[in-house]
Amino acid sequence: MSDQAMSDNILHQISRRAGSLSPALRGVADVILTNPEEAQALSITELAGRAGVADSTVSRFLRELELDGYNQLRLGIAQAIYSRPGAGEQRTNWVYEGVLKGDSTENVIEKVLHGSYESLTRTAERLDPEVIADTVERIHSASSLYFAAMGSSSSAAESATMRFLRAGVRCHFFRDQSVQSMGSATLGPSDVLIAISDSGDSTSVVSSAQIAKFHGAHTVGVTSNVDSALASVVDTVLLTAGTVASSDVYGESVTAKWGQLLAIDALYASYATTYYEETADYLQESYLSAIRPTRVSGSR
């Protein structure tokens, strides 16, 4: 989605452009503008049915608005509803990422599925193969790999630590923010720090990256916000998918974590492929010494 479209209220954008659309596309716009709250909960097939058009017409409507997918349209509508002046009651109905109070279980599952799919798809589009390849080389030559994260982003950091440890890379991740900062101060030019924050504005994560960089470590940021404080501090940025802001209460993006995990898995898989022989040896050893003994006898 273009920067202009991202910054513009989606309902205002649809209203402004409705007059220049073809009759079929204008029918889709009319359904949305007539009842945004209802349209936000519709599937792509249901929206097409209300407008009397085919699903492919709704897809053309998305392209006309420069949207990355149908879920982004629904999230944009929900955000526009949420941000309306005086919409105090509607604010209390927002849960996160397009899920509203009163949504049926079927709608919740569908919205979460679409949000996860969009996050994975758009993250794959934003990841730069050259950046991943360069980061792989830096990790391979590093004395240690250090992770900084907080909140739900810690899940991606823990996943990364487990994967790279099994591949024979010396890794460190501490959930305590103070320990993360202290650990960052022990890094040097032979180390790599990967800082993970969807917003890129998590104070402690940015601070760890600043400290590590000051001491000469190569720093990598995993974030969806290229204009964030984290992106401005680190040496390398791995971009994940951006998400529509959630409510004040439920501000933590959930589907954004899929993007973080995809970025980490792509980085790890590229490492394992590039250095297959040594990685395979470490994987075999870690399985025999640490994993197999924990399995029920007879299982693999």
C-alpha atoms as a PDB file:
ATOM      1  CA  MET A   1       0.000   0.000   0.000  1.00  0.00           C
ATOM      2  CA  SER A   2       1.342   3.469  -0.836  1.00  0.00           C
ATOM      3  CA  ASP A   3       2.499   5.834   1.925  1.00  0.00           C
ATOM      4  CA  GLN A   4      -0.335   8.215   1.055  1.00  0.00           C
ATOM      5  CA  ALA A   5      -2.949   5.492   1.273  1.00  0.00           C
ATOM      6  CA  MET A   6      -1.525   4.253   4.560  1.00  0.00           C
ATOM      7  CA  SER A   7      -1.780   7.721   6.111  1.00  0.00           C
ATOM      8  CA  ASP A   8      -5.257   8.468   4.731  1.00  0.00           C
ATOM      9  CA  ASN A   9      -8.511   7.410   6.384  1.00  0.00           C
ATOM     10  CA  ILE A  10      -9.673   4.535   4.150  1.00  0.00           C
ATOM     11  CA  LEU A  11     -13.314   5.660   4.213  1.00  0.00           C
ATOM     12  CA  HIS A  12     -12.357   9.179   3.150  1.00  0.00           C
ATOM     13  CA  GLN A  13     -10.216   7.729   0.388  1.00  0.00           C
ATOM     14  CA  ILE A  14     -13.059   5.540  -0.911  1.00  0.00           C
ATOM     15  CA  SER A  15     -15.532   8.433  -0.737  1.00  0.00           C
ATOM     16  CA  ARG A  16     -13.182  10.775  -2.571  1.00  0.00           C
ATOM     17  CA  ARG A  17     -12.521   8.323  -5.395  1.00  0.00           C
ATOM     18  CA  ALA A  18     -15.985   6.767  -5.714  1.00  0.00           C
ATOM     19  CA  GLY A  19     -17.094   9.170  -8.453  1.00  0.00           C
ATOM     20  CA  SER A  20     -14.227   8.192 -10.739  1.00  0.00           C
ATOM     21  CA  LEU A  21     -14.714   4.431 -10.374  1.00  0.00           C
ATOM     22  CA  SER A  22     -16.445   2.173 -12.887  1.00  0.00           C
ATOM     23  CA  PRO A  23     -20.066   1.266 -12.051  1.00  0.00           C
ATOM     24  CA  ALA A  24     -19.049  -2.167 -10.751  1.00  0.00           C
ATOM     25  CA  LEU A  25     -16.300  -0.808  -8.523  1.00  0.00           C
ATOM     26  CA  ARG A  26     -18.532   2.032  -7.373  1.00  0.00           C
ATOM     27  CA  GLY A  27     -21.063  -0.579  -6.256  1.00  0.00           C
ATOM     28  CA  VAL A  28     -18.438  -2.060  -3.938  1.00  0.00           C
ATOM     29  CA  ALA A  29     -17.617   1.418  -2.611  1.00  0.00           C
ATOM     30  CA  ASP A  30     -21.301   2.141  -1.973  1.00  0.00           C
ATOM     31  CA  VAL A  31     -21.737  -0.990   0.134  1.00  0.00           C
ATOM     32  CA  ILE A  32     -18.748  -0.002   2.278  1.00  0.00           C
ATOM     33  CA  LEU A  33     -19.714   3.660   2.669  1.00  0.00           C
ATOM     34  CA  THR A  34     -23.393   2.929   3.405  1.00  0.00           C
ATOM     35  CA  ASN A  35     -22.617   0.779   6.432  1.00  0.00           C
ATOM     36  CA  PRO A  36     -18.884   0.571   7.272  1.00  0.00           C
ATOM     37  CA  GLU A  37     -19.506  -1.313  10.522  1.00  0.00           C
ATOM     38  CA  GLU A  38     -21.349  -4.082   8.683  1.00  0.00           C
ATOM     39  CA  ALA A  39     -18.979  -4.103   5.694  1.00  0.00           C
ATOM     40  CA  GLN A  40     -15.977  -4.496   7.986  1.00  0.00           C
ATOM     41  CA  ALA A  41     -17.259  -7.890   9.134  1.00  0.00           C
ATOM     42  CA  LEU A  42     -18.034  -9.261   5.635  1.00  0.00           C
ATOM     43  CA  SER A  43     -15.897 -11.803   3.842  1.00  0.00           C
ATOM     44  CA  ILE A  44     -14.758 -10.935   0.321  1.00  0.00           C
ATOM     45  CA  THR A  45     -17.498 -13.172  -1.118  1.00  0.00           C
ATOM     46  CA  GLU A  46     -20.161 -11.596   1.081  1.00  0.00           C
ATOM     47  CA  LEU A  47     -19.063  -8.077   0.094  1.00  0.00           C
ATOM     48  CA  ALA A  48     -19.146  -9.062  -3.576  1.00  0.00           C
ATOM     49  CA  GLY A  49     -22.639 -10.493  -3.104  1.00  0.00           C
ATOM     50  CA  ARG A  50     -23.922  -7.306  -1.456  1.00  0.00           C
ATOM     51  CA  ALA A  51     -22.528  -5.269  -4.356  1.00  0.00           C
ATOM     52  CA  GLY A  52     -23.850  -7.670  -6.988  1.00  0.00           C
ATOM     53  CA  VAL A  53     -20.404  -8.342  -8.449  1.00  0.00           C
ATOM     54  CA  ALA A  54     -17.893 -11.186  -8.649  1.00  0.00           C
ATOM     55  CA  ASP A  55     -15.086 -11.736  -6.133  1.00  0.00           C
ATOM     56  CA  SER A  56     -12.615 -10.703  -8.844  1.00  0.00           C
ATOM     57  CA  THR A  57     -14.266  -7.266  -8.975  1.00  0.00           C
ATOM     58  CA  VAL A  58     -13.555  -6.769  -5.275  1.00  0.00           C
ATOM     59  CA  SER A  59      -9.959  -7.761  -5.989  1.00  0.00           C
ATOM     60  CA  ARG A  60      -9.834  -5.071  -8.699  1.00  0.00           C
ATOM     61  CA  PHE A  61     -11.270  -2.621  -6.175  1.00  0.00           C
ATOM     62  CA  LEU A  62      -8.383  -3.439  -3.809  1.00  0.00           C
ATOM     63  CA  ARG A  63      -5.835  -2.853  -6.564  1.00  0.00           C
ATOM     64  CA  GLU A  64      -7.508   0.450  -7.452  1.00  0.00           C
ATOM     65  CA  LEU A  65      -6.989   1.570  -3.846  1.00  0.00           C
ATOM     66  CA  GLU A  66      -3.406   0.213  -3.813  1.00  0.00           C
ATOM     67  CA  LEU A  67      -4.212  -2.160  -0.952  1.00  0.00           C
ATOM     68  CA  ASP A  68      -2.086  -5.239  -0.332  1.00  0.00           C
ATOM     69  CA  GLY A  69      -5.028  -7.513   0.363  1.00  0.00           C
ATOM     70  CA  TYR A  70      -8.625  -7.823   1.525  1.00  0.00           C
ATOM     71  CA  ASN A  71      -7.688  -7.997   5.178  1.00  0.00           C
ATOM     72  CA  GLN A  72      -5.967  -4.635   4.889  1.00  0.00           C
ATOM     73  CA  LEU A  73      -9.224  -3.150   3.618  1.00  0.00           C
ATOM     74  CA  ARG A  74     -11.133  -4.556   6.592  1.00  0.00           C
ATOM     75  CA  LEU A  75      -8.509  -3.406   9.059  1.00  0.00           C
ATOM     76  CA  GLY A  76      -8.495   0.031   7.458  1.00  0.00           C
ATOM     77  CA  ILE A  77     -12.279   0.273   7.771  1.00  0.00           C
ATOM     78  CA  ALA A  78     -12.116  -0.823  11.407  1.00  0.00           C
ATOM     79  CA  GLN A  79      -9.400   1.733  12.137  1.00  0.00           C
ATOM     80  CA  ALA A  80     -11.449   4.481  10.462  1.00  0.00           C
ATOM     81  CA  ILE A  81     -14.466   3.533  12.584  1.00  0.00           C
ATOM     82  CA  TYR A  82     -12.336   3.445  15.710  1.00  0.00           C
ATOM     83  CA  SER A  83     -10.775   6.864  15.079  1.00  0.00           C
ATOM     84  CA  ARG A  84     -14.041   8.717  14.375  1.00  0.00           C
ATOM     85  CA  PRO A  85     -14.444  11.776  16.613  1.00  0.00           C
ATOM     86  CA  GLY A  86     -16.820  11.033  19.460  1.00  0.00           C
ATOM     87  CA  ALA A  87     -16.798   7.304  18.803  1.00  0.00           C
ATOM     88  CA  GLY A  88     -16.331   6.527  22.476  1.00  0.00           C
ATOM     89  CA  GLU A  89     -18.768   3.644  22.522  1.00  0.00           C
ATOM     90  CA  GLN A  90     -17.218   2.119  19.389  1.00  0.00           C
ATOM     91  CA  ARG A  91     -13.771   2.310  20.996  1.00  0.00           C
ATOM     92  CA  THR A  92     -14.966  -0.055  23.695  1.00  0.00           C
ATOM     93  CA  ASN A  93     -16.025  -2.537  21.007  1.00  0.00           C
ATOM     94  CA  TRP A  94     -12.543  -2.868  19.517  1.00  0.00           C
ATOM     95  CA  VAL A  95     -10.495  -5.902  20.543  1.00  0.00           C
ATOM     96  CA  TYR A  96      -7.552  -5.966  18.124  1.00  0.00           C
ATOM     97  CA  GLU A  97      -6.719  -5.952  14.435  1.00  0.00           C
ATOM     98  CA  GLY A  98     -10.268  -5.826  13.109  1.00  0.00           C
ATOM     99  CA  VAL A  99     -11.867  -8.086  15.713  1.00  0.00           C
ATOM    100  CA  LEU A 100     -14.807  -6.335  17.374  1.00  0.00           C
ATOM    101  CA  LYS A 101     -17.035  -6.944  20.354  1.00  0.00           C
ATOM    102  CA  GLY A 102     -19.898  -9.175  19.257  1.00  0.00           C
ATOM    103  CA  ASP A 103     -18.042 -10.888  16.405  1.00  0.00           C
ATOM    104  CA  SER A 104     -19.058 -14.511  16.037  1.00  0.00           C
ATOM    105  CA  THR A 105     -16.482 -17.229  16.609  1.00  0.00           C
ATOM    106  CA  GLU A 106     -16.512 -17.915  12.865  1.00  0.00           C
ATOM    107  CA  ASN A 107     -15.764 -14.251  12.093  1.00  0.00           C
ATOM    108  CA  VAL A 108     -12.991 -14.117  14.678  1.00  0.00           C
ATOM    109  CA  ILE A 109     -11.308 -17.208  13.220  1.00  0.00           C
ATOM    110  CA  GLU A 110     -11.609 -15.809   9.696  1.00  0.00           C
ATOM    111  CA  LYS A 111     -10.228 -12.404  10.671  1.00  0.00           C
ATOM    112  CA  VAL A 112      -7.283 -13.896  12.559  1.00  0.00           C
ATOM    113  CA  LEU A 113      -6.588 -16.225   9.625  1.00  0.00           C
ATOM    114  CA  HIS A 114      -6.670 -13.377   7.107  1.00  0.00           C
ATOM    115  CA  GLY A 115      -4.516 -11.204   9.342  1.00  0.00           C
ATOM    116  CA  SER A 116      -1.928 -13.964   9.745  1.00  0.00           C
ATOM    117  CA  TYR A 117      -1.898 -14.706   6.018  1.00  0.00           C
ATOM    118  CA  GLU A 118      -1.489 -11.029   5.131  1.00  0.00           C
ATOM    119  CA  SER A 119       1.305 -10.616   7.670  1.00  0.00           C
ATOM    120  CA  LEU A 120       3.230 -13.572   6.256  1.00  0.00           C
ATOM    121  CA  THR A 121       2.662 -12.573   2.635  1.00  0.00           C
ATOM    122  CA  ARG A 122       3.628  -8.936   3.052  1.00  0.00           C
ATOM    123  CA  THR A 123       6.649  -9.784   5.211  1.00  0.00           C
ATOM    124  CA  ALA A 124       7.919 -12.102   2.467  1.00  0.00           C
ATOM    125  CA  GLU A 125       7.574  -9.208   0.017  1.00  0.00           C
ATOM    126  CA  ARG A 126       9.528  -6.829   2.273  1.00  0.00           C
ATOM    127  CA  LEU A 127      12.429  -9.131   3.163  1.00  0.00           C
ATOM    128  CA  ASP A 128      15.518  -8.326   1.100  1.00  0.00           C
ATOM    129  CA  PRO A 129      17.464 -11.483   0.087  1.00  0.00           C
ATOM    130  CA  GLU A 130      20.728  -9.521  -0.063  1.00  0.00           C
ATOM    131  CA  VAL A 131      20.242  -8.232   3.472  1.00  0.00           C
ATOM    132  CA  ILE A 132      19.524 -11.750   4.723  1.00  0.00           C
ATOM    133  CA  ALA A 133      22.589 -13.141   2.921  1.00  0.00           C
ATOM    134  CA  ASP A 134      24.825 -10.429   4.429  1.00  0.00           C
ATOM    135  CA  THR A 135      23.405 -11.055   7.907  1.00  0.00           C
ATOM    136  CA  VAL A 136      24.020 -14.790   7.520  1.00  0.00           C
ATOM    137  CA  GLU A 137      27.698 -14.126   6.796  1.00  0.00           C
ATOM    138  CA  ARG A 138      28.002 -11.818   9.799  1.00  0.00           C
ATOM    139  CA  ILE A 139      26.386 -14.392  12.094  1.00  0.00           C
ATOM    140  CA  HIS A 140      28.699 -17.118  10.833  1.00  0.00           C
ATOM    141  CA  SER A 141      31.801 -15.071  11.535  1.00  0.00           C
ATOM    142  CA  ALA A 142      30.542 -13.706  14.873  1.00  0.00           C
ATOM    143  CA  SER A 143      31.818 -14.815  18.267  1.00  0.00           C
ATOM    144  CA  SER A 144      28.280 -14.674  19.614  1.00  0.00           C
ATOM    145  CA  LEU A 145      24.742 -13.790  18.571  1.00  0.00           C
ATOM    146  CA  TYR A 146      22.755 -11.689  21.028  1.00  0.00           C
ATOM    147  CA  PHE A 147      19.017 -10.912  20.989  1.00  0.00           C
ATOM    148  CA  ALA A 148      17.089  -7.978  22.431  1.00  0.00           C
ATOM    149  CA  ALA A 149      13.268  -7.965  22.607  1.00  0.00           C
ATOM    150  CA  MET A 150      10.402  -7.320  24.990  1.00  0.00           C
ATOM    151  CA  GLY A 151       6.745  -8.268  25.327  1.00  0.00           C
ATOM    152  CA  SER A 152       5.392 -10.671  22.737  1.00  0.00           C
ATOM    153  CA  SER A 153       8.401 -10.034  20.487  1.00  0.00           C
ATOM    154  CA  SER A 154      10.315 -12.144  22.996  1.00  0.00           C
ATOM    155  CA  SER A 155       8.680 -15.207  21.430  1.00  0.00           C
ATOM    156  CA  ALA A 156      10.521 -14.523  18.168  1.00  0.00           C
ATOM    157  CA  ALA A 157      13.782 -13.980  20.068  1.00  0.00           C
ATOM    158  CA  GLU A 158      13.389 -17.254  21.970  1.00  0.00           C
ATOM    159  CA  SER A 159      12.582 -19.114  18.745  1.00  0.00           C
ATOM    160  CA  ALA A 160      15.669 -17.631  17.097  1.00  0.00           C
ATOM    161  CA  THR A 161      17.875 -18.530  20.066  1.00  0.00           C
ATOM    162  CA  MET A 162      16.738 -22.153  19.982  1.00  0.00           C
ATOM    163  CA  ARG A 163      17.235 -22.475  16.224  1.00  0.00           C
ATOM    164  CA  PHE A 164      20.679 -20.923  16.064  1.00  0.00           C
ATOM    165  CA  LEU A 165      21.880 -22.750  19.179  1.00  0.00           C
ATOM    166  CA  ARG A 166      20.997 -26.035  17.490  1.00  0.00           C
ATOM    167  CA  ALA A 167      22.952 -24.857  14.439  1.00  0.00           C
ATOM    168  CA  GLY A 168      26.068 -24.398  16.600  1.00  0.00           C
ATOM    169  CA  VAL A 169      25.928 -20.606  17.028  1.00  0.00           C
ATOM    170  CA  ARG A 170      26.641 -19.173  20.484  1.00  0.00           C
ATOM    171  CA  CYS A 171      23.419 -17.317  21.362  1.00  0.00           C
ATOM    172  CA  HIS A 172      22.187 -15.266  24.293  1.00  0.00           C
ATOM    173  CA  PHE A 173      18.749 -13.926  25.148  1.00  0.00           C
ATOM    174  CA  PHE A 174      17.543 -12.656  28.510  1.00  0.00           C
ATOM    175  CA  ARG A 175      13.935 -11.652  29.114  1.00  0.00           C
ATOM    176  CA  ASP A 176      14.891  -9.204  31.860  1.00  0.00           C
ATOM    177  CA  GLN A 177      15.334  -5.777  30.229  1.00  0.00           C
ATOM    178  CA  SER A 178      18.075  -4.665  32.622  1.00  0.00           C
ATOM    179  CA  VAL A 179      20.073  -7.822  31.929  1.00  0.00           C
ATOM    180  CA  GLN A 180      19.628  -7.257  28.186  1.00  0.00           C
ATOM    181  CA  SER A 181      21.160  -3.784  28.519  1.00  0.00           C
ATOM    182  CA  MET A 182      24.029  -5.076  30.653  1.00  0.00           C
ATOM    183  CA  GLY A 183      24.664  -7.891  28.206  1.00  0.00           C
ATOM    184  CA  SER A 184      24.722  -5.446  25.283  1.00  0.00           C
ATOM    185  CA  ALA A 185      27.564  -3.606  26.994  1.00  0.00           C
ATOM    186  CA  THR A 186      29.698  -6.776  26.919  1.00  0.00           C
ATOM    187  CA  LEU A 187      29.490  -7.122  23.135  1.00  0.00           C
ATOM    188  CA  GLY A 188      32.248  -6.081  20.771  1.00  0.00           C
ATOM    189  CA  PRO A 189      33.223  -5.893  17.088  1.00  0.00           C
ATOM    190  CA  SER A 190      33.153  -9.691  16.755  1.00  0.00           C
ATOM    191  CA  ASP A 191      29.525  -9.963  17.938  1.00  0.00           C
ATOM    192  CA  VAL A 192      26.092  -9.497  16.342  1.00  0.00           C
ATOM    193  CA  LEU A 193      22.991  -8.181  18.096  1.00  0.00           C
ATOM    194  CA  ILE A 194      19.501  -8.702  16.651  1.00  0.00           C
ATOM    195  CA  ALA A 195      16.905  -6.352  18.147  1.00  0.00           C
ATOM    196  CA  ILE A 196      13.241  -7.252  17.572  1.00  0.00           C
ATOM    197  CA  SER A 197      10.417  -4.722  17.876  1.00  0.00           C
ATOM    198  CA  ASP A 198       7.363  -4.419  15.634  1.00  0.00           C
ATOM    199  CA  SER A 199       6.918  -0.693  16.303  1.00  0.00           C
ATOM    200  CA  GLY A 200      10.652  -0.095  16.461  1.00  0.00           C
ATOM    201  CA  ASP A 201      10.040   2.281  19.368  1.00  0.00           C
ATOM    202  CA  SER A 202      10.394  -0.026  22.379  1.00  0.00           C
ATOM    203  CA  THR A 203      12.714   1.993  24.591  1.00  0.00           C
ATOM    204  CA  SER A 204      14.684  -0.859  26.142  1.00  0.00           C
ATOM    205  CA  VAL A 205      15.181  -2.621  22.795  1.00  0.00           C
ATOM    206  CA  VAL A 206      16.404   0.569  21.117  1.00  0.00           C
ATOM    207  CA  SER A 207      18.681   1.207  24.091  1.00  0.00           C
ATOM    208  CA  SER A 208      20.239  -2.273  23.841  1.00  0.00           C
ATOM    209  CA  ALA A 209      20.912  -1.706  20.150  1.00  0.00           C
ATOM    210  CA  GLN A 210      22.517   1.672  20.873  1.00  0.00           C
ATOM    211  CA  ILE A 211      24.733   0.209  23.587  1.00  0.00           C
ATOM    212  CA  ALA A 212      25.825  -2.729  21.422  1.00  0.00           C
ATOM    213  CA  LYS A 213      26.592  -0.477  18.483  1.00  0.00           C
ATOM    214  CA  PHE A 214      28.586   1.892  20.700  1.00  0.00           C
ATOM    215  CA  HIS A 215      30.794  -1.038  21.677  1.00  0.00           C
ATOM    216  CA  GLY A 216      31.343  -2.022  18.049  1.00  0.00           C
ATOM    217  CA  ALA A 217      28.905  -4.904  17.574  1.00  0.00           C
ATOM    218  CA  HIS A 218      27.036  -5.221  14.295  1.00  0.00           C
ATOM    219  CA  THR A 219      23.367  -4.483  14.983  1.00  0.00           C
ATOM    220  CA  VAL A 220      20.316  -5.792  13.118  1.00  0.00           C
ATOM    221  CA  GLY A 221      16.764  -4.545  13.638  1.00  0.00           C
ATOM    222  CA  VAL A 222      13.675  -6.656  12.905  1.00  0.00           C
ATOM    223  CA  THR A 223      10.822  -4.147  12.644  1.00  0.00           C
ATOM    224  CA  SER A 224       7.876  -3.150  10.467  1.00  0.00           C
ATOM    225  CA  ASN A 225       8.589   0.570  10.830  1.00  0.00           C
ATOM    226  CA  VAL A 226      11.392   1.805   8.589  1.00  0.00           C
ATOM    227  CA  ASP A 227      11.067   5.275  10.132  1.00  0.00           C
ATOM    228  CA  SER A 228      11.334   4.047  13.724  1.00  0.00           C
ATOM    229  CA  ALA A 229      13.975   4.832  16.318  1.00  0.00           C
ATOM    230  CA  LEU A 230      15.278   1.257  16.058  1.00  0.00           C
ATOM    231  CA  ALA A 231      15.665   1.435  12.276  1.00  0.00           C
ATOM    232  CA  SER A 232      17.634   4.674  12.614  1.00  0.00           C
ATOM    233  CA  VAL A 233      20.028   3.144  15.150  1.00  0.00           C
ATOM    234  CA  VAL A 234      20.912  -0.287  13.739  1.00  0.00           C
ATOM    235  CA  ASP A 235      23.352  -1.111  10.943  1.00  0.00           C
ATOM    236  CA  THR A 236      20.934  -3.445   9.137  1.00  0.00           C
ATOM    237  CA  VAL A 237      17.131  -3.592   8.976  1.00  0.00           C
ATOM    238  CA  LEU A 238      15.012  -6.678   8.267  1.00  0.00           C
ATOM    239  CA  LEU A 239      11.567  -5.309   7.418  1.00  0.00           C
ATOM    240  CA  THR A 240       8.447  -7.197   8.444  1.00  0.00           C
ATOM    241  CA  ALA A 241       4.819  -6.430   7.578  1.00  0.00           C
ATOM    242  CA  GLY A 242       3.240  -3.311   9.024  1.00  0.00           C
ATOM    243  CA  THR A 243      -0.054  -3.641  10.887  1.00  0.00           C
ATOM    244  CA  VAL A 244      -3.000  -1.385  11.550  1.00  0.00           C
ATOM    245  CA  ALA A 245      -2.812   0.115  15.026  1.00  0.00           C
ATOM    246  CA  SER A 246      -4.880  -1.577  17.666  1.00  0.00           C
ATOM    247  CA  SER A 247      -6.873   0.056  20.443  1.00  0.00           C
ATOM    248  CA  ASP A 248      -5.312   1.826  23.404  1.00  0.00           C
ATOM    249  CA  VAL A 249      -6.090  -1.160  25.623  1.00  0.00           C
ATOM    250  CA  TYR A 250      -5.082  -3.926  23.228  1.00  0.00           C
ATOM    251  CA  GLY A 251      -2.152  -2.186  21.591  1.00  0.00           C
ATOM    252  CA  GLU A 252       0.070  -5.212  21.061  1.00  0.00           C
ATOM    253  CA  SER A 253      -0.073  -6.436  17.485  1.00  0.00           C
ATOM    254  CA  VAL A 254      -0.670 -10.167  17.330  1.00  0.00           C
ATOM    255  CA  THR A 255      -0.384 -11.000  13.630  1.00  0.00           C
ATOM    256  CA  ALA A 256       2.826  -8.955  13.488  1.00  0.00           C
ATOM    257  CA  LYS A 257       4.502 -11.805  15.346  1.00  0.00           C
ATOM    258  CA  TRP A 258       4.006 -14.064  12.320  1.00  0.00           C
ATOM    259  CA  GLY A 259       6.101 -11.610  10.325  1.00  0.00           C
ATOM    260  CA  GLN A 260       8.834 -11.659  12.953  1.00  0.00           C
ATOM    261  CA  LEU A 261       8.865 -15.457  13.039  1.00  0.00           C
ATOM    262  CA  LEU A 262       8.998 -15.606   9.242  1.00  0.00           C
ATOM    263  CA  ALA A 263      11.965 -13.214   9.182  1.00  0.00           C
ATOM    264  CA  ILE A 264      13.772 -15.292  11.814  1.00  0.00           C
ATOM    265  CA  ASP A 265      12.996 -18.590  10.056  1.00  0.00           C
ATOM    266  CA  ALA A 266      14.152 -17.193   6.701  1.00  0.00           C
ATOM    267  CA  LEU A 267      17.384 -16.029   8.334  1.00  0.00           C
ATOM    268  CA  TYR A 268      17.955 -19.369  10.050  1.00  0.00           C
ATOM    269  CA  ALA A 269      17.062 -21.461   6.985  1.00  0.00           C
ATOM    270  CA  SER A 270      19.410 -19.368   4.837  1.00  0.00           C
ATOM    271  CA  TYR A 271      22.163 -19.917   7.392  1.00  0.00           C
ATOM    272  CA  ALA A 272      21.536 -23.669   7.499  1.00  0.00           C
ATOM    273  CA  THR A 273      21.530 -23.879   3.704  1.00  0.00           C
ATOM    274  CA  THR A 274      24.680 -21.808   3.268  1.00  0.00           C
ATOM    275  CA  TYR A 275      26.605 -23.747   5.912  1.00  0.00           C
ATOM    276  CA  TYR A 276      24.857 -27.065   5.508  1.00  0.00           C
ATOM    277  CA  GLU A 277      27.654 -29.462   6.473  1.00  0.00           C
ATOM    278  CA  GLU A 278      28.560 -27.895   9.808  1.00  0.00           C
ATOM    279  CA  THR A 279      24.928 -27.078  10.652  1.00  0.00           C
ATOM    280  CA  ALA A 280      23.861 -30.674   9.958  1.00  0.00           C
ATOM    281  CA  ASP A 281      26.548 -31.979  12.326  1.00  0.00           C
ATOM    282  CA  TYR A 282      25.399 -29.676  15.127  1.00  0.00           C
ATOM    283  CA  LEU A 283      21.733 -30.548  14.528  1.00  0.00           C
ATOM    284  CA  GLN A 284      22.535 -34.261  14.751  1.00  0.00           C
ATOM    285  CA  GLU A 285      24.583 -33.803  17.915  1.00  0.00           C
ATOM    286  CA  SER A 286      21.968 -31.630  19.630  1.00  0.00           C
ATOM    287  CA  TYR A 287      19.265 -34.136  18.774  1.00  0.00           C
ATOM    288  CA  LEU A 288      21.196 -37.110  20.170  1.00  0.00           C
ATOM    289  CA  SER A 289      22.395 -35.343  23.308  1.00  0.00           C
ATOM    290  CA  ALA A 290      19.500 -33.047  24.217  1.00  0.00           C
ATOM    291  CA  ILE A 291      16.292 -33.984  22.404  1.00  0.00           C
ATOM    292  CA  ARG A 292      16.205 -37.753  21.961  1.00  0.00           C
ATOM    293  CA  PRO A 293      16.698 -38.472  25.701  1.00  0.00           C
ATOM    294  CA  THR A 294      13.509 -36.481  26.422  1.00  0.00           C
ATOM    295  CA  ARG A 295      11.350 -38.625  24.107  1.00  0.00           C
ATOM    296  CA  VAL A 296       9.236 -41.546  25.259  1.00  0.00           C
ATOM    297  CA  SER A 297      11.113 -44.789  24.685  1.00  0.00           C
ATOM    298  CA  GLY A 298      10.535 -46.083  21.178  1.00  0.00           C
ATOM    299  CA  SER A 299       9.439 -42.750  19.699  1.00  0.00           C
ATOM    300  CA  ARG A 300      11.622 -40.609  17.456  1.00  0.00           C
END
